[in-house]
Amino acid sequence: MSAQFDADRSAAIRLLLIEDVAASAPRRTRPGLVAGLLLVGILTGAGASTAAFAATGGFVTPTIAQPSSHPQPDLPEALEAPPGTTPGAPLISLIGAPSALSVAAPTEYPLAARPDGVTHVRVTVTALTPGSISWGTDADGNNPRATFNSGDIGGPGDTTWYDFPLDDTTGTFFVTPADGLTATVSFQYLNMTPTHLKRNAAGQTYGLDGGPDGVPDLVLVSGVSPEGEAVLGYARSGELNAFSPEHASQPSDPEEALAWQEERERDYPSGWDIPVFESDGTTRIGTFHVG
């Protein structure tokens, strides 16, 4: 399966990675964050709750962050992260029972009559035959898209899911299959309550990027241990966002950008590694590859 979404949605992606991710998680090869796209991202492979399609196409295996059958619509805008929750990751309540429909042609699904406290809807697409599909809340078609080939059907690659934020203006969901695709599409309402970042003894904030407190000093990533195994830890945000090891900032003008890019391509054609730490920001446990 291949999945695509436009640049605006890419910029809005919240990369969620929680602390009990399976050890089989591979490393990412782009600057920034590592994670399953849970809040507003596509997830694919091995079912709706067992694998995630990261922004670069890498796979991790998250547990859904603190699901609960008891919705909490009156919670404040953000909470302190309870034990076992990655700071900055949302607390998720499942609201109501899921529903499903079979689609073989463009279909509209009503969302207006939904329970109180709903902030998102998780929509899972399981392809039954090859083809392509777009699905989302934009009537003009600016929605996530996925393509399934014959090898995906009946395997872990036949399923993808996406969490859509909802507001008072969202009343209809649009599913548009093409190229002969038939699929089962399920809907599960959610309440997502953000959590705050935490601080270590050195005063550094750490946790998941994209939450209510902005970018932490130490950003949760999936790196590689000295033994070559996947390891969860924290990378310094400045090193994640650096243009190159020699340039911590971004270029200030087109000429500088061109010169720095040529230098980076010459000196780091395969990227570079940065350290991964425990949340204390000093105990090194692995590396994260940028490139």
C-alpha atoms as a PDB file:
ATOM      1  CA  MET A   1       0.000   0.000   0.000  1.00  0.00           C
ATOM      2  CA  SER A   2       1.139   3.541  -0.705  1.00  0.00           C
ATOM      3  CA  ALA A   3      -0.312   6.586   0.986  1.00  0.00           C
ATOM      4  CA  GLN A   4      -0.201  10.245   0.067  1.00  0.00           C
ATOM      5  CA  PHE A   5      -1.417  13.498   1.587  1.00  0.00           C
ATOM      6  CA  ASP A   6      -0.885  17.108   0.597  1.00  0.00           C
ATOM      7  CA  ALA A   7       1.741  19.474   1.973  1.00  0.00           C
ATOM      8  CA  ASP A   8      -0.695  21.226   4.300  1.00  0.00           C
ATOM      9  CA  ARG A   9      -1.665  17.958   5.915  1.00  0.00           C
ATOM     10  CA  SER A  10       1.960  16.902   6.069  1.00  0.00           C
ATOM     11  CA  ALA A  11       2.781  20.089   7.966  1.00  0.00           C
ATOM     12  CA  ALA A  12      -0.030  19.355  10.411  1.00  0.00           C
ATOM     13  CA  ILE A  13       0.983  15.794  11.157  1.00  0.00           C
ATOM     14  CA  ARG A  14       1.316  15.022  14.825  1.00  0.00           C
ATOM     15  CA  LEU A  15       3.886  12.271  15.247  1.00  0.00           C
ATOM     16  CA  LEU A  16       2.933  10.183  18.218  1.00  0.00           C
ATOM     17  CA  LEU A  17       5.294   7.650  19.734  1.00  0.00           C
ATOM     18  CA  ILE A  18       4.583   6.242  23.184  1.00  0.00           C
ATOM     19  CA  GLU A  19       6.970   4.572  25.562  1.00  0.00           C
ATOM     20  CA  ASP A  20       5.964   0.952  25.114  1.00  0.00           C
ATOM     21  CA  VAL A  21       6.575   0.854  21.371  1.00  0.00           C
ATOM     22  CA  ALA A  22       7.792  -2.598  20.385  1.00  0.00           C
ATOM     23  CA  ALA A  23      11.543  -3.046  20.098  1.00  0.00           C
ATOM     24  CA  SER A  24      11.245  -3.822  16.397  1.00  0.00           C
ATOM     25  CA  ALA A  25      10.746  -0.159  15.540  1.00  0.00           C
ATOM     26  CA  PRO A  26      13.229   0.925  12.849  1.00  0.00           C
ATOM     27  CA  ARG A  27      15.079   4.203  12.751  1.00  0.00           C
ATOM     28  CA  ARG A  28      13.820   7.217  10.821  1.00  0.00           C
ATOM     29  CA  THR A  29      16.038   8.887   8.270  1.00  0.00           C
ATOM     30  CA  ARG A  30      14.704  12.420   8.261  1.00  0.00           C
ATOM     31  CA  PRO A  31      15.282  15.294  10.658  1.00  0.00           C
ATOM     32  CA  GLY A  32      12.553  15.815  13.176  1.00  0.00           C
ATOM     33  CA  LEU A  33      10.384  13.320  14.960  1.00  0.00           C
ATOM     34  CA  VAL A  34       9.817   9.609  14.857  1.00  0.00           C
ATOM     35  CA  ALA A  35       6.475   8.058  15.450  1.00  0.00           C
ATOM     36  CA  GLY A  36       3.217   6.594  14.392  1.00  0.00           C
ATOM     37  CA  LEU A  37       0.851   9.158  12.942  1.00  0.00           C
ATOM     38  CA  LEU A  38      -1.887   8.867  15.490  1.00  0.00           C
ATOM     39  CA  LEU A  39      -3.373  12.294  16.069  1.00  0.00           C
ATOM     40  CA  VAL A  40      -3.706  13.450  12.467  1.00  0.00           C
ATOM     41  CA  GLY A  41      -1.682  10.891  10.592  1.00  0.00           C
ATOM     42  CA  ILE A  42      -2.015   7.861   8.413  1.00  0.00           C
ATOM     43  CA  LEU A  43      -1.378   4.489   9.978  1.00  0.00           C
ATOM     44  CA  THR A  44      -1.078   1.346   7.959  1.00  0.00           C
ATOM     45  CA  GLY A  45      -0.180  -2.296   8.093  1.00  0.00           C
ATOM     46  CA  ALA A  46      -1.004  -5.040  10.614  1.00  0.00           C
ATOM     47  CA  GLY A  47      -4.367  -3.579  11.511  1.00  0.00           C
ATOM     48  CA  ALA A  48      -5.626  -0.364  12.965  1.00  0.00           C
ATOM     49  CA  SER A  49      -3.927  -0.558  16.320  1.00  0.00           C
ATOM     50  CA  THR A  50      -0.731  -2.481  15.709  1.00  0.00           C
ATOM     51  CA  ALA A  51       1.391  -0.637  13.178  1.00  0.00           C
ATOM     52  CA  ALA A  52       1.977   2.873  11.976  1.00  0.00           C
ATOM     53  CA  PHE A  53       3.008   4.524   8.774  1.00  0.00           C
ATOM     54  CA  ALA A  54       5.478   7.249   9.643  1.00  0.00           C
ATOM     55  CA  ALA A  55       5.936  10.326   7.511  1.00  0.00           C
ATOM     56  CA  THR A  56       8.860   8.776   5.671  1.00  0.00           C
ATOM     57  CA  GLY A  57       7.207   5.391   5.240  1.00  0.00           C
ATOM     58  CA  GLY A  58       8.893   3.740   8.213  1.00  0.00           C
ATOM     59  CA  PHE A  59       6.986   1.396  10.472  1.00  0.00           C
ATOM     60  CA  VAL A  60       6.686   1.344  14.236  1.00  0.00           C
ATOM     61  CA  THR A  61       4.387  -0.651  16.491  1.00  0.00           C
ATOM     62  CA  PRO A  62       2.604   1.555  19.016  1.00  0.00           C
ATOM     63  CA  THR A  63      -0.022   0.842  21.583  1.00  0.00           C
ATOM     64  CA  ILE A  64      -2.873   3.335  21.365  1.00  0.00           C
ATOM     65  CA  ALA A  65      -2.170   5.981  23.986  1.00  0.00           C
ATOM     66  CA  GLN A  66      -4.148   5.252  27.138  1.00  0.00           C
ATOM     67  CA  PRO A  67      -7.508   4.277  25.602  1.00  0.00           C
ATOM     68  CA  SER A  68     -10.521   4.350  27.882  1.00  0.00           C
ATOM     69  CA  SER A  69     -14.176   3.463  27.474  1.00  0.00           C
ATOM     70  CA  HIS A  70     -15.093   6.384  29.732  1.00  0.00           C
ATOM     71  CA  PRO A  71     -15.144   9.667  27.815  1.00  0.00           C
ATOM     72  CA  GLN A  72     -13.987  12.728  29.712  1.00  0.00           C
ATOM     73  CA  PRO A  73     -15.466  15.683  27.778  1.00  0.00           C
ATOM     74  CA  ASP A  74     -15.110  18.118  30.700  1.00  0.00           C
ATOM     75  CA  LEU A  75     -11.352  17.762  31.142  1.00  0.00           C
ATOM     76  CA  PRO A  76      -9.250  20.937  30.844  1.00  0.00           C
ATOM     77  CA  GLU A  77      -7.446  21.775  27.626  1.00  0.00           C
ATOM     78  CA  ALA A  78      -4.306  19.967  28.789  1.00  0.00           C
ATOM     79  CA  LEU A  79      -3.337  17.745  31.714  1.00  0.00           C
ATOM     80  CA  GLU A  80      -0.144  16.697  33.399  1.00  0.00           C
ATOM     81  CA  ALA A  81       1.004  13.452  31.788  1.00  0.00           C
ATOM     82  CA  PRO A  82       0.164  10.589  34.172  1.00  0.00           C
ATOM     83  CA  PRO A  83       2.659   7.775  34.828  1.00  0.00           C
ATOM     84  CA  GLY A  84       3.192   5.628  31.751  1.00  0.00           C
ATOM     85  CA  THR A  85       2.240   8.420  29.365  1.00  0.00           C
ATOM     86  CA  THR A  86       4.805  10.183  27.207  1.00  0.00           C
ATOM     87  CA  PRO A  87       4.690  13.892  28.084  1.00  0.00           C
ATOM     88  CA  GLY A  88       2.926  15.749  25.290  1.00  0.00           C
ATOM     89  CA  ALA A  89       1.024  12.672  24.069  1.00  0.00           C
ATOM     90  CA  PRO A  90      -2.765  12.875  24.172  1.00  0.00           C
ATOM     91  CA  LEU A  91      -4.953  10.853  26.498  1.00  0.00           C
ATOM     92  CA  ILE A  92      -7.488   9.049  24.341  1.00  0.00           C
ATOM     93  CA  SER A  93     -11.015   8.032  25.259  1.00  0.00           C
ATOM     94  CA  LEU A  94     -13.096   5.881  22.910  1.00  0.00           C
ATOM     95  CA  ILE A  95     -16.597   7.321  22.719  1.00  0.00           C
ATOM     96  CA  GLY A  96     -19.478   5.130  21.638  1.00  0.00           C
ATOM     97  CA  ALA A  97     -19.366   1.935  19.630  1.00  0.00           C
ATOM     98  CA  PRO A  98     -17.634   1.757  16.247  1.00  0.00           C
ATOM     99  CA  SER A  99     -19.669   1.530  13.061  1.00  0.00           C
ATOM    100  CA  ALA A 100     -18.721   0.182   9.653  1.00  0.00           C
ATOM    101  CA  LEU A 101     -19.887   0.285   6.069  1.00  0.00           C
ATOM    102  CA  SER A 102     -18.913  -1.340   2.791  1.00  0.00           C
ATOM    103  CA  VAL A 103     -17.955   0.980  -0.047  1.00  0.00           C
ATOM    104  CA  ALA A 104     -17.564   0.402  -3.765  1.00  0.00           C
ATOM    105  CA  ALA A 105     -18.620   3.870  -4.975  1.00  0.00           C
ATOM    106  CA  PRO A 106     -18.403   7.445  -3.642  1.00  0.00           C
ATOM    107  CA  THR A 107     -20.128   7.478  -0.253  1.00  0.00           C
ATOM    108  CA  GLU A 108     -21.072  10.166   2.265  1.00  0.00           C
ATOM    109  CA  TYR A 109     -21.250   9.282   5.943  1.00  0.00           C
ATOM    110  CA  PRO A 110     -23.064  11.629   8.384  1.00  0.00           C
ATOM    111  CA  LEU A 111     -21.043  12.936  11.342  1.00  0.00           C
ATOM    112  CA  ALA A 112     -23.340  15.669  12.630  1.00  0.00           C
ATOM    113  CA  ALA A 113     -25.176  13.553  15.224  1.00  0.00           C
ATOM    114  CA  ARG A 114     -22.231  12.481  17.350  1.00  0.00           C
ATOM    115  CA  PRO A 115     -21.856  12.069  21.119  1.00  0.00           C
ATOM    116  CA  ASP A 116     -20.772  14.881  23.417  1.00  0.00           C
ATOM    117  CA  GLY A 117     -17.068  15.227  24.052  1.00  0.00           C
ATOM    118  CA  VAL A 118     -15.928  14.002  20.640  1.00  0.00           C
ATOM    119  CA  THR A 119     -12.787  15.700  19.300  1.00  0.00           C
ATOM    120  CA  HIS A 120     -11.746  13.238  16.565  1.00  0.00           C
ATOM    121  CA  VAL A 121     -12.971  10.332  14.518  1.00  0.00           C
ATOM    122  CA  ARG A 122     -10.658   7.439  13.704  1.00  0.00           C
ATOM    123  CA  VAL A 123     -11.495   6.094  10.258  1.00  0.00           C
ATOM    124  CA  THR A 124     -10.039   2.725   9.286  1.00  0.00           C
ATOM    125  CA  VAL A 125      -9.998   1.546   5.678  1.00  0.00           C
ATOM    126  CA  THR A 126      -9.534  -2.155   4.925  1.00  0.00           C
ATOM    127  CA  ALA A 127      -9.203  -2.801   1.200  1.00  0.00           C
ATOM    128  CA  LEU A 128     -10.962  -5.882  -0.151  1.00  0.00           C
ATOM    129  CA  THR A 129      -9.823  -5.449  -3.754  1.00  0.00           C
ATOM    130  CA  PRO A 130      -6.959  -3.477  -5.334  1.00  0.00           C
ATOM    131  CA  GLY A 131      -7.394   0.164  -6.262  1.00  0.00           C
ATOM    132  CA  SER A 132      -7.154   3.592  -4.694  1.00  0.00           C
ATOM    133  CA  ILE A 133      -9.232   5.585  -2.238  1.00  0.00           C
ATOM    134  CA  SER A 134      -9.484   9.036  -0.708  1.00  0.00           C
ATOM    135  CA  TRP A 135     -11.272   9.588   2.576  1.00  0.00           C
ATOM    136  CA  GLY A 136     -11.816  12.635   4.727  1.00  0.00           C
ATOM    137  CA  THR A 137     -13.958  15.581   5.748  1.00  0.00           C
ATOM    138  CA  ASP A 138     -13.172  17.896   2.821  1.00  0.00           C
ATOM    139  CA  ALA A 139     -15.954  17.904   0.252  1.00  0.00           C
ATOM    140  CA  ASP A 140     -13.509  19.260  -2.348  1.00  0.00           C
ATOM    141  CA  GLY A 141     -11.354  16.152  -2.079  1.00  0.00           C
ATOM    142  CA  ASN A 142      -8.345  17.549  -0.184  1.00  0.00           C
ATOM    143  CA  ASN A 143      -8.171  14.331   1.827  1.00  0.00           C
ATOM    144  CA  PRO A 144      -5.724  11.514   2.559  1.00  0.00           C
ATOM    145  CA  ARG A 145      -5.294   9.015  -0.276  1.00  0.00           C
ATOM    146  CA  ALA A 146      -4.030   5.465  -0.441  1.00  0.00           C
ATOM    147  CA  THR A 147      -3.389   2.912  -3.167  1.00  0.00           C
ATOM    148  CA  PHE A 148      -3.517  -0.849  -2.646  1.00  0.00           C
ATOM    149  CA  ASN A 149      -2.098  -3.436  -5.027  1.00  0.00           C
ATOM    150  CA  SER A 150      -3.002  -7.108  -5.303  1.00  0.00           C
ATOM    151  CA  GLY A 151      -0.165  -8.102  -2.980  1.00  0.00           C
ATOM    152  CA  ASP A 152      -1.636  -5.973  -0.176  1.00  0.00           C
ATOM    153  CA  ILE A 153      -5.023  -7.681  -0.111  1.00  0.00           C
ATOM    154  CA  GLY A 154      -5.394 -10.182   2.698  1.00  0.00           C
ATOM    155  CA  GLY A 155      -2.143  -9.076   4.369  1.00  0.00           C
ATOM    156  CA  PRO A 156      -0.968  -6.412   6.794  1.00  0.00           C
ATOM    157  CA  GLY A 157      -0.755  -3.852   3.991  1.00  0.00           C
ATOM    158  CA  ASP A 158      -4.498  -3.863   3.282  1.00  0.00           C
ATOM    159  CA  THR A 159      -5.386  -1.581   6.215  1.00  0.00           C
ATOM    160  CA  THR A 160      -4.772   2.100   6.853  1.00  0.00           C
ATOM    161  CA  TRP A 161      -6.258   4.564   9.310  1.00  0.00           C
ATOM    162  CA  TYR A 162      -6.335   8.266  10.020  1.00  0.00           C
ATOM    163  CA  ASP A 163      -7.574  10.341  12.961  1.00  0.00           C
ATOM    164  CA  PHE A 164      -9.582  13.349  11.777  1.00  0.00           C
ATOM    165  CA  PRO A 165     -10.159  16.363  14.051  1.00  0.00           C
ATOM    166  CA  LEU A 166     -13.789  17.399  14.241  1.00  0.00           C
ATOM    167  CA  ASP A 167     -15.464  20.702  15.002  1.00  0.00           C
ATOM    168  CA  ASP A 168     -18.970  22.141  14.814  1.00  0.00           C
ATOM    169  CA  THR A 169     -18.654  22.743  11.068  1.00  0.00           C
ATOM    170  CA  THR A 170     -17.898  19.099  10.242  1.00  0.00           C
ATOM    171  CA  GLY A 171     -21.061  17.215   9.395  1.00  0.00           C
ATOM    172  CA  THR A 172     -20.176  14.804   6.593  1.00  0.00           C
ATOM    173  CA  PHE A 173     -17.387  12.348   5.840  1.00  0.00           C
ATOM    174  CA  PHE A 174     -16.479  11.586   2.229  1.00  0.00           C
ATOM    175  CA  VAL A 175     -15.148   8.244   0.993  1.00  0.00           C
ATOM    176  CA  THR A 176     -14.191   8.022  -2.688  1.00  0.00           C
ATOM    177  CA  PRO A 177     -12.884   4.688  -4.012  1.00  0.00           C
ATOM    178  CA  ALA A 178     -11.408   4.460  -7.514  1.00  0.00           C
ATOM    179  CA  ASP A 179      -9.801   1.986  -9.903  1.00  0.00           C
ATOM    180  CA  GLY A 180     -12.091  -0.845  -8.844  1.00  0.00           C
ATOM    181  CA  LEU A 181     -11.362  -0.678  -5.120  1.00  0.00           C
ATOM    182  CA  THR A 182     -13.885  -2.054  -2.655  1.00  0.00           C
ATOM    183  CA  ALA A 183     -13.329  -1.675   1.067  1.00  0.00           C
ATOM    184  CA  THR A 184     -14.729  -1.851   4.546  1.00  0.00           C
ATOM    185  CA  VAL A 185     -14.597   1.527   6.299  1.00  0.00           C
ATOM    186  CA  SER A 186     -15.079   1.780  10.080  1.00  0.00           C
ATOM    187  CA  PHE A 187     -15.625   4.854  12.248  1.00  0.00           C
ATOM    188  CA  GLN A 188     -14.696   5.247  15.926  1.00  0.00           C
ATOM    189  CA  TYR A 189     -15.284   8.525  17.789  1.00  0.00           C
ATOM    190  CA  LEU A 190     -12.537   9.706  20.137  1.00  0.00           C
ATOM    191  CA  ASN A 191     -11.863  12.304  22.784  1.00  0.00           C
ATOM    192  CA  MET A 192      -8.211  13.412  22.813  1.00  0.00           C
ATOM    193  CA  THR A 193      -6.989  15.475  25.751  1.00  0.00           C
ATOM    194  CA  PRO A 194      -3.444  16.888  25.369  1.00  0.00           C
ATOM    195  CA  THR A 195      -0.832  16.514  28.080  1.00  0.00           C
ATOM    196  CA  HIS A 196       1.957  18.868  29.095  1.00  0.00           C
ATOM    197  CA  LEU A 197       5.665  18.333  28.650  1.00  0.00           C
ATOM    198  CA  LYS A 198       7.811  17.559  31.695  1.00  0.00           C
ATOM    199  CA  ARG A 199      11.152  18.955  32.906  1.00  0.00           C
ATOM    200  CA  ASN A 200      14.207  17.028  33.975  1.00  0.00           C
ATOM    201  CA  ALA A 201      16.585  17.957  36.796  1.00  0.00           C
ATOM    202  CA  ALA A 202      18.522  20.235  34.444  1.00  0.00           C
ATOM    203  CA  GLY A 203      15.382  22.206  33.611  1.00  0.00           C
ATOM    204  CA  GLN A 204      15.074  20.828  30.077  1.00  0.00           C
ATOM    205  CA  THR A 205      11.601  20.054  28.769  1.00  0.00           C
ATOM    206  CA  TYR A 206      11.140  16.611  27.250  1.00  0.00           C
ATOM    207  CA  GLY A 207       8.407  14.687  25.500  1.00  0.00           C
ATOM    208  CA  LEU A 208       6.507  14.626  22.260  1.00  0.00           C
ATOM    209  CA  ASP A 209       6.661  17.526  19.828  1.00  0.00           C
ATOM    210  CA  GLY A 210       3.389  19.067  18.669  1.00  0.00           C
ATOM    211  CA  GLY A 211       1.560  19.292  21.986  1.00  0.00           C
ATOM    212  CA  PRO A 212       0.212  22.410  23.726  1.00  0.00           C
ATOM    213  CA  ASP A 213       3.643  23.404  25.063  1.00  0.00           C
ATOM    214  CA  GLY A 214       5.380  23.494  21.688  1.00  0.00           C
ATOM    215  CA  VAL A 215       8.752  21.970  20.854  1.00  0.00           C
ATOM    216  CA  PRO A 216      10.524  20.377  23.838  1.00  0.00           C
ATOM    217  CA  ASP A 217      14.246  20.734  24.444  1.00  0.00           C
ATOM    218  CA  LEU A 218      14.480  16.936  24.201  1.00  0.00           C
ATOM    219  CA  VAL A 219      12.264  15.345  21.553  1.00  0.00           C
ATOM    220  CA  LEU A 220      11.113  11.730  21.666  1.00  0.00           C
ATOM    221  CA  VAL A 221      12.657   9.684  18.840  1.00  0.00           C
ATOM    222  CA  SER A 222      13.265   6.086  17.880  1.00  0.00           C
ATOM    223  CA  GLY A 223      17.000   5.581  17.604  1.00  0.00           C
ATOM    224  CA  VAL A 224      19.485   2.736  17.424  1.00  0.00           C
ATOM    225  CA  SER A 225      21.377   1.379  20.417  1.00  0.00           C
ATOM    226  CA  PRO A 226      25.122   0.548  20.308  1.00  0.00           C
ATOM    227  CA  GLU A 227      24.046  -3.080  19.826  1.00  0.00           C
ATOM    228  CA  GLY A 228      22.066  -2.156  16.731  1.00  0.00           C
ATOM    229  CA  GLU A 229      18.620  -2.517  18.294  1.00  0.00           C
ATOM    230  CA  ALA A 230      15.791   0.010  18.210  1.00  0.00           C
ATOM    231  CA  VAL A 231      15.691   2.216  21.286  1.00  0.00           C
ATOM    232  CA  LEU A 232      13.350   4.973  22.414  1.00  0.00           C
ATOM    233  CA  GLY A 233      14.941   8.076  23.824  1.00  0.00           C
ATOM    234  CA  TYR A 234      15.334  11.803  23.379  1.00  0.00           C
ATOM    235  CA  ALA A 235      17.326  13.895  20.926  1.00  0.00           C
ATOM    236  CA  ARG A 236      18.140  17.561  21.356  1.00  0.00           C
ATOM    237  CA  SER A 237      15.699  19.634  19.340  1.00  0.00           C
ATOM    238  CA  GLY A 238      18.468  21.937  18.150  1.00  0.00           C
ATOM    239  CA  GLU A 239      20.367  19.020  16.651  1.00  0.00           C
ATOM    240  CA  LEU A 240      17.206  17.622  15.060  1.00  0.00           C
ATOM    241  CA  ASN A 241      16.433  20.956  13.418  1.00  0.00           C
ATOM    242  CA  ALA A 242      19.972  21.879  12.379  1.00  0.00           C
ATOM    243  CA  PHE A 243      20.635  22.324   8.674  1.00  0.00           C
ATOM    244  CA  SER A 244      23.841  20.291   9.069  1.00  0.00           C
ATOM    245  CA  PRO A 245      26.385  19.511  11.813  1.00  0.00           C
ATOM    246  CA  GLU A 246      28.212  22.753  10.917  1.00  0.00           C
ATOM    247  CA  HIS A 247      25.095  24.930  10.687  1.00  0.00           C
ATOM    248  CA  ALA A 248      22.752  24.864  13.661  1.00  0.00           C
ATOM    249  CA  SER A 249      20.370  27.410  12.102  1.00  0.00           C
ATOM    250  CA  GLN A 250      18.669  27.558   8.735  1.00  0.00           C
ATOM    251  CA  PRO A 251      20.032  29.612   5.799  1.00  0.00           C
ATOM    252  CA  SER A 252      19.173  33.304   5.867  1.00  0.00           C
ATOM    253  CA  ASP A 253      19.031  33.911   2.102  1.00  0.00           C
ATOM    254  CA  PRO A 254      18.945  31.924  -1.179  1.00  0.00           C
ATOM    255  CA  GLU A 255      22.675  32.274  -1.808  1.00  0.00           C
ATOM    256  CA  GLU A 256      23.522  30.939   1.631  1.00  0.00           C
ATOM    257  CA  ALA A 257      20.998  28.139   1.208  1.00  0.00           C
ATOM    258  CA  LEU A 258      22.589  27.020  -2.052  1.00  0.00           C
ATOM    259  CA  ALA A 259      26.097  27.117  -0.590  1.00  0.00           C
ATOM    260  CA  TRP A 260      25.102  25.217   2.548  1.00  0.00           C
ATOM    261  CA  GLN A 261      23.191  22.644   0.524  1.00  0.00           C
ATOM    262  CA  GLU A 262      26.177  21.977  -1.716  1.00  0.00           C
ATOM    263  CA  GLU A 263      28.382  21.664   1.360  1.00  0.00           C
ATOM    264  CA  ARG A 264      25.950  19.258   3.015  1.00  0.00           C
ATOM    265  CA  GLU A 265      25.632  17.085  -0.068  1.00  0.00           C
ATOM    266  CA  ARG A 266      29.408  16.961  -0.391  1.00  0.00           C
ATOM    267  CA  ASP A 267      30.246  16.254   3.251  1.00  0.00           C
ATOM    268  CA  TYR A 268      27.179  14.246   4.337  1.00  0.00           C
ATOM    269  CA  PRO A 269      25.765  12.445   1.271  1.00  0.00           C
ATOM    270  CA  SER A 270      24.229   9.764   3.525  1.00  0.00           C
ATOM    271  CA  GLY A 271      23.257  12.037   6.406  1.00  0.00           C
ATOM    272  CA  TRP A 272      24.708  12.057   9.917  1.00  0.00           C
ATOM    273  CA  ASP A 273      24.056  10.675  13.387  1.00  0.00           C
ATOM    274  CA  ILE A 274      23.103  12.604  16.509  1.00  0.00           C
ATOM    275  CA  PRO A 275      23.018  11.265  20.083  1.00  0.00           C
ATOM    276  CA  VAL A 276      19.933   9.862  21.785  1.00  0.00           C
ATOM    277  CA  PHE A 277      19.627  10.227  25.571  1.00  0.00           C
ATOM    278  CA  GLU A 278      17.465   9.224  28.467  1.00  0.00           C
ATOM    279  CA  SER A 279      15.060  11.943  29.592  1.00  0.00           C
ATOM    280  CA  ASP A 280      17.827  13.361  31.818  1.00  0.00           C
ATOM    281  CA  GLY A 281      19.526  14.676  28.683  1.00  0.00           C
ATOM    282  CA  THR A 282      22.932  13.293  29.699  1.00  0.00           C
ATOM    283  CA  THR A 283      22.750   9.485  29.717  1.00  0.00           C
ATOM    284  CA  ARG A 284      23.429   8.453  26.138  1.00  0.00           C
ATOM    285  CA  ILE A 285      21.638   5.314  24.932  1.00  0.00           C
ATOM    286  CA  GLY A 286      21.967   5.407  21.150  1.00  0.00           C
ATOM    287  CA  THR A 287      21.973   7.463  17.967  1.00  0.00           C
ATOM    288  CA  PHE A 288      19.427   8.925  15.596  1.00  0.00           C
ATOM    289  CA  HIS A 289      20.193   9.177  11.883  1.00  0.00           C
ATOM    290  CA  VAL A 290      19.432  12.477  10.154  1.00  0.00           C
ATOM    291  CA  GLY A 291      19.586  12.703   6.396  1.00  0.00           C
END
